[in-house]
Amino acid sequence: MIRPADPDHRPPADVVAFPLRSSDGALAHVSPSSIRDYLQCSLRFYFKRVLGLPEPGSVSLHLGKAVHAGIQA
């Protein structure tokens, strides 16, 4: 739900944005990518979308970082 802006009301400096929830507690909007994540692996969805944990980098990324660090040294 989008509320009209009130020019006299200024939000506090540290505003944290959370997904909008309906009156029954469900999310008001679910993206297609989050549905895909849930259908592929519900535990992965939980870690990524609910807990907000970052995904680990690929093996190629770690190898590339190690090679570049070795060349720089």
C-alpha atoms as a PDB file:
ATOM      1  CA  MET A   1       0.000   0.000   0.000  1.00  0.00           C
ATOM      2  CA  ILE A   2       1.425   3.375  -0.997  1.00  0.00           C
ATOM      3  CA  ARG A   3       0.587   6.291   1.250  1.00  0.00           C
ATOM      4  CA  PRO A   4       0.629   9.912   0.053  1.00  0.00           C
ATOM      5  CA  ALA A   5       3.567  11.974   1.229  1.00  0.00           C
ATOM      6  CA  ASP A   6       2.971  14.350   4.112  1.00  0.00           C
ATOM      7  CA  PRO A   7       5.183  17.459   3.686  1.00  0.00           C
ATOM      8  CA  ASP A   8       4.984  18.294   7.412  1.00  0.00           C
ATOM      9  CA  HIS A   9       6.151  14.845   8.519  1.00  0.00           C
ATOM     10  CA  ARG A  10       9.887  14.092   8.358  1.00  0.00           C
ATOM     11  CA  PRO A  11      10.964  10.484   8.956  1.00  0.00           C
ATOM     12  CA  PRO A  12      13.783   9.768  11.410  1.00  0.00           C
ATOM     13  CA  ALA A  13      17.312   9.628   9.961  1.00  0.00           C
ATOM     14  CA  ASP A  14      17.754   5.861  10.408  1.00  0.00           C
ATOM     15  CA  VAL A  15      14.716   4.498   8.625  1.00  0.00           C
ATOM     16  CA  VAL A  16      14.795   0.771   8.002  1.00  0.00           C
ATOM     17  CA  ALA A  17      12.653  -0.508   5.128  1.00  0.00           C
ATOM     18  CA  PHE A  18      10.807  -3.776   5.603  1.00  0.00           C
ATOM     19  CA  PRO A  19       8.552  -5.547   3.106  1.00  0.00           C
ATOM     20  CA  LEU A  20       4.919  -4.532   3.428  1.00  0.00           C
ATOM     21  CA  ARG A  21       2.744  -7.141   5.093  1.00  0.00           C
ATOM     22  CA  SER A  22      -0.992  -7.559   4.805  1.00  0.00           C
ATOM     23  CA  SER A  23      -3.306  -7.808   7.818  1.00  0.00           C
ATOM     24  CA  ASP A  24      -2.884 -11.598   7.953  1.00  0.00           C
ATOM     25  CA  GLY A  25       0.930 -11.297   8.107  1.00  0.00           C
ATOM     26  CA  ALA A  26       1.634 -12.414   4.538  1.00  0.00           C
ATOM     27  CA  LEU A  27       3.869 -10.369   2.268  1.00  0.00           C
ATOM     28  CA  ALA A  28       1.980  -7.895   0.097  1.00  0.00           C
ATOM     29  CA  HIS A  29       4.315  -8.555  -2.851  1.00  0.00           C
ATOM     30  CA  VAL A  30       6.320 -11.617  -3.822  1.00  0.00           C
ATOM     31  CA  SER A  31       8.735 -11.412  -6.745  1.00  0.00           C
ATOM     32  CA  PRO A  32       8.988 -14.149  -9.389  1.00  0.00           C
ATOM     33  CA  SER A  33      12.637 -14.720  -8.462  1.00  0.00           C
ATOM     34  CA  SER A  34      11.741 -15.351  -4.808  1.00  0.00           C
ATOM     35  CA  ILE A  35       9.078 -17.856  -5.889  1.00  0.00           C
ATOM     36  CA  ARG A  36      11.675 -19.584  -8.094  1.00  0.00           C
ATOM     37  CA  ASP A  37      14.120 -19.689  -5.165  1.00  0.00           C
ATOM     38  CA  TYR A  38      11.457 -21.241  -2.921  1.00  0.00           C
ATOM     39  CA  LEU A  39      10.474 -23.868  -5.496  1.00  0.00           C
ATOM     40  CA  GLN A  40      14.112 -24.830  -6.103  1.00  0.00           C
ATOM     41  CA  CYS A  41      15.019 -25.133  -2.420  1.00  0.00           C
ATOM     42  CA  SER A  42      12.929 -23.901   0.493  1.00  0.00           C
ATOM     43  CA  LEU A  43      15.929 -23.892   2.851  1.00  0.00           C
ATOM     44  CA  ARG A  44      17.944 -21.767   0.396  1.00  0.00           C
ATOM     45  CA  PHE A  45      14.956 -19.380   0.177  1.00  0.00           C
ATOM     46  CA  TYR A  46      14.896 -19.126   3.976  1.00  0.00           C
ATOM     47  CA  PHE A  47      18.618 -18.376   4.233  1.00  0.00           C
ATOM     48  CA  LYS A  48      18.590 -15.877   1.366  1.00  0.00           C
ATOM     49  CA  ARG A  49      15.226 -14.093   1.607  1.00  0.00           C
ATOM     50  CA  VAL A  50      14.252 -14.413   5.276  1.00  0.00           C
ATOM     51  CA  LEU A  51      17.604 -14.319   7.087  1.00  0.00           C
ATOM     52  CA  GLY A  52      19.294 -12.206   4.406  1.00  0.00           C
ATOM     53  CA  LEU A  53      22.525 -14.210   4.394  1.00  0.00           C
ATOM     54  CA  PRO A  54      24.828 -13.489   1.435  1.00  0.00           C
ATOM     55  CA  GLU A  55      25.378 -16.247  -1.091  1.00  0.00           C
ATOM     56  CA  PRO A  56      28.875 -17.711  -1.180  1.00  0.00           C
ATOM     57  CA  GLY A  57      30.988 -16.862  -4.208  1.00  0.00           C
ATOM     58  CA  SER A  58      31.638 -19.414  -6.919  1.00  0.00           C
ATOM     59  CA  VAL A  59      34.785 -21.533  -7.062  1.00  0.00           C
ATOM     60  CA  SER A  60      35.914 -19.551 -10.116  1.00  0.00           C
ATOM     61  CA  LEU A  61      35.625 -16.281  -8.186  1.00  0.00           C
ATOM     62  CA  HIS A  62      37.770 -17.594  -5.323  1.00  0.00           C
ATOM     63  CA  LEU A  63      40.337 -19.023  -7.738  1.00  0.00           C
ATOM     64  CA  GLY A  64      40.519 -15.734  -9.652  1.00  0.00           C
ATOM     65  CA  LYS A  65      41.021 -13.752  -6.447  1.00  0.00           C
ATOM     66  CA  ALA A  66      43.803 -16.122  -5.367  1.00  0.00           C
ATOM     67  CA  VAL A  67      45.547 -15.879  -8.755  1.00  0.00           C
ATOM     68  CA  HIS A  68      45.378 -12.075  -8.756  1.00  0.00           C
ATOM     69  CA  ALA A  69      46.636 -11.894  -5.159  1.00  0.00           C
ATOM     70  CA  GLY A  70      49.532 -14.209  -6.104  1.00  0.00           C
ATOM     71  CA  ILE A  71      50.428 -12.091  -9.141  1.00  0.00           C
ATOM     72  CA  GLN A  72      50.259  -8.896  -7.068  1.00  0.00           C
ATOM     73  CA  ALA A  73      52.532 -10.376  -4.383  1.00  0.00           C
END
